[in-house]
């Protein structure tokens, strides 16, 4: 049971309801994470618009989801691990690719560089070196893509903290943490 109530999307007014309607349109349901953070219209808008903005970015959805499962595992967020494993498969990643990403691994050198950088960002609380940034550049990521990797990590830290702090019930197929 969540530590805060899960907002009923049908019981909120105006713009708040419009956000929930958008989320429902994207997922076919309003996942519990959005219902938990949806206690605050401002927090919900921040979360939802961040997902939308990154969805229009240069990084493809598959890589975004691979980053998400790695960050979820590092932060011990079972909810995000379950959600992003499912979303990653929907974005074209295999079960094996998602499991490898959860462990910070990929057979693709470019993806590996993004995962290595993401892990350093989380584990070192953003304290990375110029050499760390250069390693991502050497994997043929441009500066816009490197900024988006950081944005994906930051957004996933927000969702991880939401789900862990509020003990949000998982409503995606469960995936075990490493």
N, C-alpha and C. Protein backbone atom coordinates (compact mmCIF):
# COMPACT_ATOMS: atom_id res chain seq x y z
N UNK A 1 0.85 -1.18 0.00
CA UNK A 1 0.00 0.00 0.00
C UNK A 1 0.89 1.24 0.00
N UNK A 2 0.61 2.13 -0.88
CA UNK A 2 1.39 3.35 -1.01
C UNK A 2 1.32 4.19 0.27
N UNK A 3 2.42 4.86 0.59
CA UNK A 3 2.46 5.71 1.77
C UNK A 3 1.64 6.99 1.61
N UNK A 4 1.34 7.34 0.38
CA UNK A 4 0.42 8.45 0.12
C UNK A 4 -0.68 7.91 -0.79
N UNK A 5 -1.84 8.52 -0.77
CA UNK A 5 -2.93 7.98 -1.58
C UNK A 5 -2.62 8.07 -3.08
N UNK A 6 -3.14 7.11 -3.81
CA UNK A 6 -3.05 7.13 -5.26
C UNK A 6 -4.23 7.95 -5.76
N UNK A 7 -3.94 9.04 -6.43
CA UNK A 7 -4.96 9.96 -6.90
C UNK A 7 -5.91 9.26 -7.87
N UNK A 8 -7.20 9.51 -7.71
CA UNK A 8 -8.19 9.01 -8.66
C UNK A 8 -8.23 9.99 -9.83
N UNK A 9 -7.77 9.60 -11.01
CA UNK A 9 -7.73 10.52 -12.14
C UNK A 9 -9.10 11.08 -12.54
N UNK A 10 -10.16 10.38 -12.19
CA UNK A 10 -11.51 10.84 -12.53
C UNK A 10 -12.06 11.84 -11.53
N UNK A 11 -11.33 12.05 -10.42
CA UNK A 11 -11.85 12.90 -9.35
C UNK A 11 -11.09 14.22 -9.21
N UNK A 12 -10.35 14.58 -10.26
CA UNK A 12 -9.59 15.83 -10.21
C UNK A 12 -10.12 16.79 -11.29
N UNK A 13 -9.98 18.08 -11.07
CA UNK A 13 -10.55 19.05 -12.02
C UNK A 13 -9.59 19.47 -13.13
N UNK A 14 -10.14 20.05 -14.17
CA UNK A 14 -9.48 20.84 -15.20
C UNK A 14 -8.17 20.33 -15.75
N UNK A 15 -7.13 21.18 -15.65
CA UNK A 15 -5.83 20.87 -16.22
C UNK A 15 -5.22 19.62 -15.59
N UNK A 16 -5.48 19.41 -14.32
CA UNK A 16 -4.98 18.22 -13.62
C UNK A 16 -5.56 16.97 -14.30
N UNK A 17 -6.85 16.98 -14.56
CA UNK A 17 -7.51 15.85 -15.23
C UNK A 17 -6.97 15.70 -16.65
N UNK A 18 -6.71 16.81 -17.33
CA UNK A 18 -6.19 16.75 -18.70
C UNK A 18 -4.84 16.03 -18.75
N UNK A 19 -4.00 16.25 -17.74
CA UNK A 19 -2.72 15.53 -17.67
C UNK A 19 -2.95 14.04 -17.51
N UNK A 20 -3.85 13.68 -16.60
CA UNK A 20 -4.16 12.26 -16.42
C UNK A 20 -4.74 11.66 -17.69
N UNK A 21 -5.55 12.41 -18.41
CA UNK A 21 -6.12 11.92 -19.67
C UNK A 21 -5.01 11.65 -20.70
N UNK A 22 -4.00 12.51 -20.75
CA UNK A 22 -2.87 12.30 -21.65
C UNK A 22 -2.11 11.03 -21.28
N UNK A 23 -1.89 10.85 -20.00
CA UNK A 23 -1.16 9.67 -19.52
C UNK A 23 -1.96 8.41 -19.85
N UNK A 24 -3.25 8.46 -19.60
CA UNK A 24 -4.13 7.34 -19.93
C UNK A 24 -4.09 7.04 -21.43
N UNK A 25 -4.07 8.08 -22.24
CA UNK A 25 -3.99 7.90 -23.68
C UNK A 25 -2.70 7.22 -24.12
N UNK A 26 -1.62 7.51 -23.42
CA UNK A 26 -0.32 6.93 -23.77
C UNK A 26 -0.19 5.47 -23.33
N UNK A 27 -0.75 5.15 -22.17
CA UNK A 27 -0.58 3.81 -21.59
C UNK A 27 -1.83 2.94 -21.67
N UNK A 28 -2.98 3.55 -21.91
CA UNK A 28 -4.24 2.80 -21.86
C UNK A 28 -4.76 2.65 -20.45
N UNK A 29 -4.03 3.21 -19.50
CA UNK A 29 -4.35 3.19 -18.07
C UNK A 29 -3.45 4.25 -17.44
N UNK A 30 -3.77 4.69 -16.24
CA UNK A 30 -2.86 5.59 -15.53
C UNK A 30 -2.06 4.76 -14.54
N UNK A 31 -0.78 4.52 -14.83
CA UNK A 31 0.05 3.73 -13.91
C UNK A 31 0.11 4.36 -12.51
N UNK A 32 0.29 3.50 -11.52
CA UNK A 32 0.29 3.92 -10.12
C UNK A 32 1.31 5.02 -9.82
N UNK A 33 2.46 5.00 -10.48
CA UNK A 33 3.45 6.04 -10.22
C UNK A 33 2.88 7.43 -10.49
N UNK A 34 2.16 7.57 -11.60
CA UNK A 34 1.57 8.87 -11.94
C UNK A 34 0.46 9.22 -10.97
N UNK A 35 -0.25 8.22 -10.50
CA UNK A 35 -1.32 8.47 -9.53
C UNK A 35 -0.74 8.92 -8.18
N UNK A 36 0.44 8.40 -7.83
CA UNK A 36 1.09 8.81 -6.57
C UNK A 36 1.61 10.24 -6.67
N UNK A 37 2.40 10.52 -7.70
CA UNK A 37 2.97 11.86 -7.85
C UNK A 37 1.87 12.86 -8.21
N UNK A 38 0.76 12.35 -8.73
CA UNK A 38 -0.36 13.18 -9.12
C UNK A 38 -1.10 13.84 -7.98
N UNK A 39 -0.70 13.57 -6.75
CA UNK A 39 -1.24 14.33 -5.62
C UNK A 39 -0.92 15.81 -5.79
N UNK A 40 0.14 16.10 -6.50
CA UNK A 40 0.52 17.49 -6.82
C UNK A 40 0.40 17.69 -8.32
N UNK A 41 -0.49 18.56 -8.77
CA UNK A 41 -0.56 18.85 -10.21
C UNK A 41 0.78 19.34 -10.76
N UNK A 42 1.52 20.12 -9.99
CA UNK A 42 2.81 20.64 -10.46
C UNK A 42 3.82 19.52 -10.63
N UNK A 43 3.89 18.61 -9.66
CA UNK A 43 4.83 17.49 -9.76
C UNK A 43 4.46 16.58 -10.93
N UNK A 44 3.16 16.34 -11.10
CA UNK A 44 2.71 15.51 -12.21
C UNK A 44 3.07 16.16 -13.54
N UNK A 45 2.83 17.43 -13.67
CA UNK A 45 3.16 18.13 -14.91
C UNK A 45 4.66 18.09 -15.18
N UNK A 46 5.46 18.29 -14.14
CA UNK A 46 6.91 18.22 -14.29
C UNK A 46 7.35 16.86 -14.81
N UNK A 47 6.82 15.82 -14.22
CA UNK A 47 7.18 14.46 -14.62
C UNK A 47 6.71 14.17 -16.04
N UNK A 48 5.45 14.43 -16.33
CA UNK A 48 4.89 14.07 -17.63
C UNK A 48 5.53 14.87 -18.76
N UNK A 49 5.73 16.16 -18.56
CA UNK A 49 6.33 16.96 -19.63
C UNK A 49 7.80 16.60 -19.84
N UNK A 50 8.47 16.15 -18.79
CA UNK A 50 9.86 15.69 -18.96
C UNK A 50 9.91 14.45 -19.84
N UNK A 51 9.01 13.51 -19.60
CA UNK A 51 8.95 12.32 -20.46
C UNK A 51 8.69 12.74 -21.91
N UNK A 52 7.75 13.65 -22.10
CA UNK A 52 7.41 14.11 -23.44
C UNK A 52 8.57 14.79 -24.13
N UNK A 53 9.27 15.64 -23.40
CA UNK A 53 10.41 16.36 -23.99
C UNK A 53 11.50 15.38 -24.41
N UNK A 54 11.84 14.44 -23.54
CA UNK A 54 12.89 13.48 -23.89
C UNK A 54 12.46 12.55 -25.02
N UNK A 55 11.16 12.30 -25.13
CA UNK A 55 10.65 11.49 -26.23
C UNK A 55 10.87 12.15 -27.59
N UNK A 56 11.07 13.46 -27.59
CA UNK A 56 11.34 14.19 -28.83
C UNK A 56 12.84 14.41 -29.04
N UNK A 57 13.66 13.85 -28.18
CA UNK A 57 15.10 14.07 -28.25
C UNK A 57 15.79 13.24 -29.29
N UNK A 58 17.11 13.31 -29.29
CA UNK A 58 17.93 12.60 -30.26
C UNK A 58 18.14 11.12 -29.90
N UNK A 59 18.10 10.82 -28.60
CA UNK A 59 18.29 9.42 -28.20
C UNK A 59 17.02 8.63 -28.50
N UNK A 60 17.19 7.41 -28.99
CA UNK A 60 16.01 6.61 -29.29
C UNK A 60 15.42 6.01 -28.00
N UNK A 61 14.17 5.59 -28.10
CA UNK A 61 13.45 5.07 -26.94
C UNK A 61 14.12 3.84 -26.35
N UNK A 62 14.66 3.00 -27.19
CA UNK A 62 15.32 1.78 -26.70
C UNK A 62 16.47 2.14 -25.75
N UNK A 63 17.33 3.06 -26.17
CA UNK A 63 18.45 3.45 -25.31
C UNK A 63 17.95 4.13 -24.05
N UNK A 64 16.93 4.95 -24.17
CA UNK A 64 16.36 5.58 -22.98
C UNK A 64 15.88 4.56 -21.97
N UNK A 65 15.26 3.50 -22.45
CA UNK A 65 14.77 2.44 -21.55
C UNK A 65 15.91 1.61 -20.98
N UNK A 66 16.97 1.41 -21.76
CA UNK A 66 18.13 0.69 -21.24
C UNK A 66 18.79 1.50 -20.12
N UNK A 67 18.89 2.80 -20.30
CA UNK A 67 19.40 3.65 -19.23
C UNK A 67 18.49 3.55 -18.01
N UNK A 68 17.19 3.57 -18.24
CA UNK A 68 16.23 3.54 -17.14
C UNK A 68 16.34 2.29 -16.29
N UNK A 69 16.53 1.11 -16.91
CA UNK A 69 16.62 -0.11 -16.09
C UNK A 69 17.92 -0.15 -15.31
N UNK A 70 18.99 0.39 -15.88
CA UNK A 70 20.25 0.45 -15.14
C UNK A 70 20.10 1.36 -13.93
N UNK A 71 19.55 2.55 -14.13
CA UNK A 71 19.37 3.49 -13.02
C UNK A 71 18.43 2.90 -11.98
N UNK A 72 17.37 2.24 -12.41
CA UNK A 72 16.43 1.62 -11.47
C UNK A 72 17.13 0.56 -10.62
N UNK A 73 17.96 -0.25 -11.24
CA UNK A 73 18.64 -1.30 -10.48
C UNK A 73 19.63 -0.68 -9.48
N UNK A 74 20.37 0.32 -9.90
CA UNK A 74 21.32 0.97 -8.99
C UNK A 74 20.57 1.57 -7.80
N UNK A 75 19.43 2.20 -8.06
CA UNK A 75 18.65 2.84 -7.01
C UNK A 75 17.66 1.91 -6.31
N UNK A 76 17.68 0.64 -6.68
CA UNK A 76 16.85 -0.40 -6.04
C UNK A 76 15.36 -0.08 -6.17
N UNK A 77 14.96 0.39 -7.34
CA UNK A 77 13.56 0.73 -7.59
C UNK A 77 12.90 -0.39 -8.39
N UNK A 78 12.18 -1.24 -7.69
CA UNK A 78 11.51 -2.36 -8.33
C UNK A 78 10.42 -1.89 -9.29
N UNK A 79 9.72 -0.82 -8.93
CA UNK A 79 8.65 -0.31 -9.79
C UNK A 79 9.22 0.11 -11.14
N UNK A 80 10.24 0.95 -11.13
CA UNK A 80 10.82 1.43 -12.39
C UNK A 80 11.47 0.31 -13.18
N UNK A 81 12.08 -0.62 -12.50
CA UNK A 81 12.69 -1.75 -13.20
C UNK A 81 11.61 -2.52 -13.97
N UNK A 82 10.48 -2.77 -13.32
CA UNK A 82 9.39 -3.48 -13.99
C UNK A 82 8.83 -2.66 -15.15
N UNK A 83 8.54 -1.39 -14.90
CA UNK A 83 7.94 -0.54 -15.93
C UNK A 83 8.86 -0.39 -17.13
N UNK A 84 10.12 -0.08 -16.89
CA UNK A 84 11.02 0.21 -18.00
C UNK A 84 11.50 -1.05 -18.72
N UNK A 85 11.47 -2.19 -18.06
CA UNK A 85 11.74 -3.44 -18.77
C UNK A 85 10.64 -3.68 -19.79
N UNK A 86 9.40 -3.51 -19.38
CA UNK A 86 8.27 -3.67 -20.31
C UNK A 86 8.33 -2.63 -21.43
N UNK A 87 8.59 -1.38 -21.07
CA UNK A 87 8.66 -0.31 -22.09
C UNK A 87 9.84 -0.51 -23.04
N UNK A 88 10.94 -1.02 -22.53
CA UNK A 88 12.10 -1.30 -23.38
C UNK A 88 11.80 -2.37 -24.41
N UNK A 89 11.10 -3.40 -23.98
CA UNK A 89 10.72 -4.45 -24.93
C UNK A 89 9.75 -3.89 -25.97
N UNK A 90 8.86 -3.02 -25.54
CA UNK A 90 7.94 -2.36 -26.47
C UNK A 90 8.70 -1.49 -27.46
N UNK A 91 9.84 -0.93 -27.03
CA UNK A 91 10.67 -0.08 -27.88
C UNK A 91 11.62 -0.88 -28.77
N UNK A 92 11.56 -2.21 -28.70
CA UNK A 92 12.36 -3.04 -29.59
C UNK A 92 13.54 -3.75 -28.98
N UNK A 93 13.76 -3.61 -27.69
CA UNK A 93 14.86 -4.32 -27.03
C UNK A 93 14.41 -5.74 -26.70
N UNK A 94 15.33 -6.66 -26.81
CA UNK A 94 15.03 -8.04 -26.45
C UNK A 94 15.06 -8.19 -24.92
N UNK A 95 14.53 -9.29 -24.44
CA UNK A 95 14.59 -9.60 -23.01
C UNK A 95 16.05 -9.61 -22.56
N UNK A 96 16.91 -10.22 -23.38
CA UNK A 96 18.33 -10.30 -23.05
C UNK A 96 18.97 -8.92 -23.01
N UNK A 97 18.66 -8.05 -23.98
CA UNK A 97 19.23 -6.70 -23.99
C UNK A 97 18.82 -5.92 -22.75
N UNK A 98 17.58 -6.09 -22.31
CA UNK A 98 17.13 -5.37 -21.12
C UNK A 98 17.80 -5.92 -19.87
N UNK A 99 17.97 -7.23 -19.79
CA UNK A 99 18.64 -7.83 -18.63
C UNK A 99 20.11 -7.39 -18.59
N UNK A 100 20.75 -7.35 -19.75
CA UNK A 100 22.14 -6.87 -19.80
C UNK A 100 22.23 -5.41 -19.38
N UNK A 101 21.31 -4.59 -19.88
CA UNK A 101 21.32 -3.16 -19.53
C UNK A 101 21.12 -2.98 -18.03
N UNK A 102 20.25 -3.78 -17.45
CA UNK A 102 20.04 -3.71 -16.00
C UNK A 102 21.36 -3.93 -15.26
N UNK A 103 22.21 -4.77 -15.80
CA UNK A 103 23.52 -5.05 -15.21
C UNK A 103 24.59 -4.07 -15.70
N UNK A 104 24.19 -3.09 -16.51
CA UNK A 104 25.14 -2.10 -17.01
C UNK A 104 25.97 -2.60 -18.17
N UNK A 105 25.41 -3.54 -18.93
CA UNK A 105 26.17 -4.15 -20.02
C UNK A 105 25.39 -4.10 -21.33
N UNK A 106 26.14 -4.07 -22.42
CA UNK A 106 25.56 -4.14 -23.76
C UNK A 106 26.60 -4.70 -24.72
N UNK A 107 26.14 -5.45 -25.70
CA UNK A 107 27.05 -5.94 -26.74
C UNK A 107 27.35 -4.85 -27.76
N UNK A 108 26.59 -3.77 -27.74
CA UNK A 108 26.80 -2.63 -28.64
C UNK A 108 27.72 -1.62 -27.96
N UNK A 109 28.88 -1.31 -28.54
CA UNK A 109 29.84 -0.40 -27.88
C UNK A 109 29.26 0.99 -27.58
N UNK A 110 28.43 1.49 -28.46
CA UNK A 110 27.84 2.82 -28.24
C UNK A 110 26.90 2.80 -27.04
N UNK A 111 26.05 1.79 -26.98
CA UNK A 111 25.14 1.64 -25.84
C UNK A 111 25.95 1.44 -24.56
N UNK A 112 27.01 0.65 -24.64
CA UNK A 112 27.86 0.42 -23.47
C UNK A 112 28.42 1.72 -22.93
N UNK A 113 28.87 2.59 -23.82
CA UNK A 113 29.41 3.88 -23.39
C UNK A 113 28.34 4.71 -22.68
N UNK A 114 27.12 4.70 -23.20
CA UNK A 114 26.02 5.44 -22.56
C UNK A 114 25.70 4.86 -21.19
N UNK A 115 25.71 3.54 -21.09
CA UNK A 115 25.42 2.89 -19.81
C UNK A 115 26.54 3.16 -18.80
N UNK A 116 27.79 3.11 -19.24
CA UNK A 116 28.91 3.40 -18.34
C UNK A 116 28.80 4.82 -17.79
N UNK A 117 28.51 5.76 -18.67
CA UNK A 117 28.38 7.16 -18.26
C UNK A 117 27.20 7.32 -17.30
N UNK A 118 26.09 6.69 -17.61
CA UNK A 118 24.90 6.76 -16.75
C UNK A 118 25.19 6.21 -15.36
N UNK A 119 25.87 5.08 -15.32
CA UNK A 119 26.19 4.48 -14.02
C UNK A 119 27.09 5.41 -13.21
N UNK A 120 28.07 6.02 -13.86
CA UNK A 120 28.95 6.95 -13.15
C UNK A 120 28.17 8.15 -12.63
N UNK A 121 27.25 8.67 -13.44
CA UNK A 121 26.44 9.80 -12.99
C UNK A 121 25.69 9.46 -11.71
N UNK A 122 25.07 8.27 -11.67
CA UNK A 122 24.27 7.89 -10.49
C UNK A 122 25.18 7.56 -9.31
N UNK A 123 26.13 6.69 -9.53
CA UNK A 123 26.97 6.22 -8.43
C UNK A 123 27.85 7.33 -7.84
N UNK A 124 28.27 8.26 -8.68
CA UNK A 124 29.15 9.35 -8.23
C UNK A 124 28.40 10.65 -7.99
N UNK A 125 27.07 10.56 -7.96
CA UNK A 125 26.23 11.75 -7.74
C UNK A 125 26.63 12.91 -8.65
N UNK A 126 26.77 12.56 -9.94
CA UNK A 126 27.04 13.50 -11.02
C UNK A 126 28.50 13.96 -11.08
N UNK A 127 29.33 13.51 -10.20
CA UNK A 127 30.76 13.90 -10.22
C UNK A 127 31.47 13.03 -11.26
N UNK A 128 31.47 13.51 -12.50
CA UNK A 128 32.18 12.83 -13.57
C UNK A 128 33.33 13.72 -14.02
N UNK A 129 34.27 13.12 -14.69
CA UNK A 129 35.44 13.87 -15.15
C UNK A 129 35.31 14.24 -16.63
N UNK A 130 36.20 15.09 -17.05
CA UNK A 130 36.27 15.43 -18.46
C UNK A 130 36.54 14.17 -19.29
N UNK A 131 37.35 13.27 -18.75
CA UNK A 131 37.65 12.01 -19.44
C UNK A 131 36.39 11.16 -19.58
N UNK A 132 35.52 11.19 -18.57
CA UNK A 132 34.26 10.43 -18.65
C UNK A 132 33.38 10.97 -19.77
N UNK A 133 33.30 12.29 -19.88
CA UNK A 133 32.51 12.91 -20.95
C UNK A 133 33.16 12.60 -22.30
N UNK A 134 34.47 12.65 -22.36
CA UNK A 134 35.18 12.36 -23.61
C UNK A 134 34.95 10.91 -24.04
N UNK A 135 34.87 10.01 -23.10
CA UNK A 135 34.62 8.60 -23.44
C UNK A 135 33.28 8.44 -24.16
N UNK A 136 32.29 9.20 -23.75
CA UNK A 136 30.99 9.15 -24.42
C UNK A 136 31.10 9.78 -25.81
N UNK A 137 31.83 10.88 -25.90
CA UNK A 137 32.07 11.49 -27.22
C UNK A 137 32.79 10.51 -28.15
N UNK A 138 33.77 9.79 -27.60
CA UNK A 138 34.52 8.83 -28.40
C UNK A 138 33.64 7.71 -28.94
N UNK A 139 32.50 7.49 -28.30
CA UNK A 139 31.53 6.49 -28.77
C UNK A 139 30.55 7.10 -29.77
N UNK A 140 30.90 8.29 -30.25
CA UNK A 140 30.14 8.99 -31.30
C UNK A 140 28.81 9.57 -30.82
N UNK A 141 28.76 9.98 -29.55
CA UNK A 141 27.65 10.77 -29.05
C UNK A 141 28.04 12.23 -29.16
N UNK A 142 27.13 13.05 -29.67
CA UNK A 142 27.42 14.48 -29.70
C UNK A 142 26.99 15.12 -28.38
N UNK A 143 27.28 16.39 -28.23
CA UNK A 143 27.01 17.05 -26.95
C UNK A 143 25.51 17.08 -26.61
N UNK A 144 24.65 17.20 -27.61
CA UNK A 144 23.21 17.16 -27.35
C UNK A 144 22.81 15.79 -26.79
N UNK A 145 23.34 14.74 -27.37
CA UNK A 145 23.03 13.39 -26.88
C UNK A 145 23.58 13.16 -25.48
N UNK A 146 24.76 13.69 -25.21
CA UNK A 146 25.34 13.55 -23.87
C UNK A 146 24.47 14.27 -22.84
N UNK A 147 23.99 15.45 -23.20
CA UNK A 147 23.07 16.18 -22.31
C UNK A 147 21.79 15.38 -22.10
N UNK A 148 21.31 14.72 -23.14
CA UNK A 148 20.09 13.91 -23.01
C UNK A 148 20.33 12.67 -22.14
N UNK A 149 21.50 12.08 -22.23
CA UNK A 149 21.81 10.95 -21.33
C UNK A 149 21.67 11.42 -19.89
N UNK A 150 22.27 12.58 -19.58
CA UNK A 150 22.16 13.12 -18.22
C UNK A 150 20.69 13.39 -17.87
N UNK A 151 19.93 13.93 -18.80
CA UNK A 151 18.50 14.21 -18.54
C UNK A 151 17.72 12.93 -18.28
N UNK A 152 18.03 11.87 -19.03
CA UNK A 152 17.37 10.57 -18.78
C UNK A 152 17.71 10.07 -17.38
N UNK A 153 18.97 10.17 -17.01
CA UNK A 153 19.37 9.74 -15.67
C UNK A 153 18.63 10.54 -14.61
N UNK A 154 18.61 11.86 -14.76
CA UNK A 154 17.94 12.71 -13.76
C UNK A 154 16.45 12.41 -13.67
N UNK A 155 15.79 12.24 -14.80
CA UNK A 155 14.36 11.91 -14.78
C UNK A 155 14.13 10.58 -14.11
N UNK A 156 14.98 9.62 -14.37
CA UNK A 156 14.81 8.31 -13.75
C UNK A 156 15.12 8.33 -12.26
N UNK A 157 16.04 9.17 -11.84
CA UNK A 157 16.25 9.32 -10.39
C UNK A 157 14.96 9.85 -9.75
N UNK A 158 14.32 10.84 -10.38
CA UNK A 158 13.05 11.38 -9.89
C UNK A 158 12.01 10.27 -9.77
N UNK A 159 11.85 9.46 -10.82
CA UNK A 159 10.84 8.40 -10.74
C UNK A 159 11.24 7.33 -9.74
N UNK A 160 12.52 6.99 -9.68
CA UNK A 160 12.97 6.01 -8.69
C UNK A 160 12.65 6.47 -7.28
N UNK A 161 12.97 7.72 -6.99
CA UNK A 161 12.72 8.26 -5.65
C UNK A 161 11.23 8.31 -5.35
N UNK A 162 10.43 8.66 -6.33
CA UNK A 162 8.98 8.68 -6.14
C UNK A 162 8.49 7.31 -5.71
N UNK A 163 8.88 6.30 -6.45
CA UNK A 163 8.35 4.95 -6.20
C UNK A 163 8.92 4.30 -4.95
N UNK A 164 10.18 4.54 -4.68
CA UNK A 164 10.77 3.97 -3.46
C UNK A 164 10.27 4.72 -2.23
N UNK A 165 10.28 6.04 -2.27
CA UNK A 165 9.88 6.84 -1.11
C UNK A 165 8.43 6.61 -0.73
N UNK A 166 7.56 6.49 -1.72
CA UNK A 166 6.13 6.35 -1.45
C UNK A 166 5.66 4.90 -1.48
N UNK A 167 6.57 3.94 -1.70
CA UNK A 167 6.24 2.52 -1.77
C UNK A 167 5.05 2.27 -2.70
N UNK A 168 5.19 2.78 -3.93
CA UNK A 168 4.12 2.69 -4.91
C UNK A 168 3.95 1.23 -5.35
N UNK A 169 2.72 0.71 -5.31
CA UNK A 169 2.48 -0.67 -5.75
C UNK A 169 2.80 -0.84 -7.24
N UNK A 170 3.51 -1.92 -7.53
CA UNK A 170 3.93 -2.21 -8.91
C UNK A 170 2.73 -2.71 -9.70
N UNK A 171 2.50 -2.09 -10.85
CA UNK A 171 1.40 -2.50 -11.72
C UNK A 171 1.90 -2.87 -13.12
N UNK A 172 3.14 -3.33 -13.19
CA UNK A 172 3.74 -3.89 -14.40
C UNK A 172 4.26 -5.28 -14.03
N UNK A 173 4.54 -6.14 -15.01
CA UNK A 173 5.11 -7.45 -14.66
C UNK A 173 6.42 -7.30 -13.89
N UNK A 174 6.51 -7.96 -12.75
CA UNK A 174 7.65 -7.82 -11.84
C UNK A 174 8.93 -8.35 -12.49
N UNK A 175 10.03 -7.65 -12.22
CA UNK A 175 11.37 -8.03 -12.64
C UNK A 175 12.24 -7.96 -11.38
N UNK A 176 13.06 -8.98 -11.17
CA UNK A 176 13.90 -9.01 -9.97
C UNK A 176 15.09 -8.08 -10.10
N UNK A 177 15.37 -7.35 -9.03
CA UNK A 177 16.59 -6.55 -8.94
C UNK A 177 17.78 -7.51 -8.93
N UNK A 178 18.93 -7.01 -9.34
CA UNK A 178 20.13 -7.85 -9.29
C UNK A 178 20.62 -7.97 -7.87
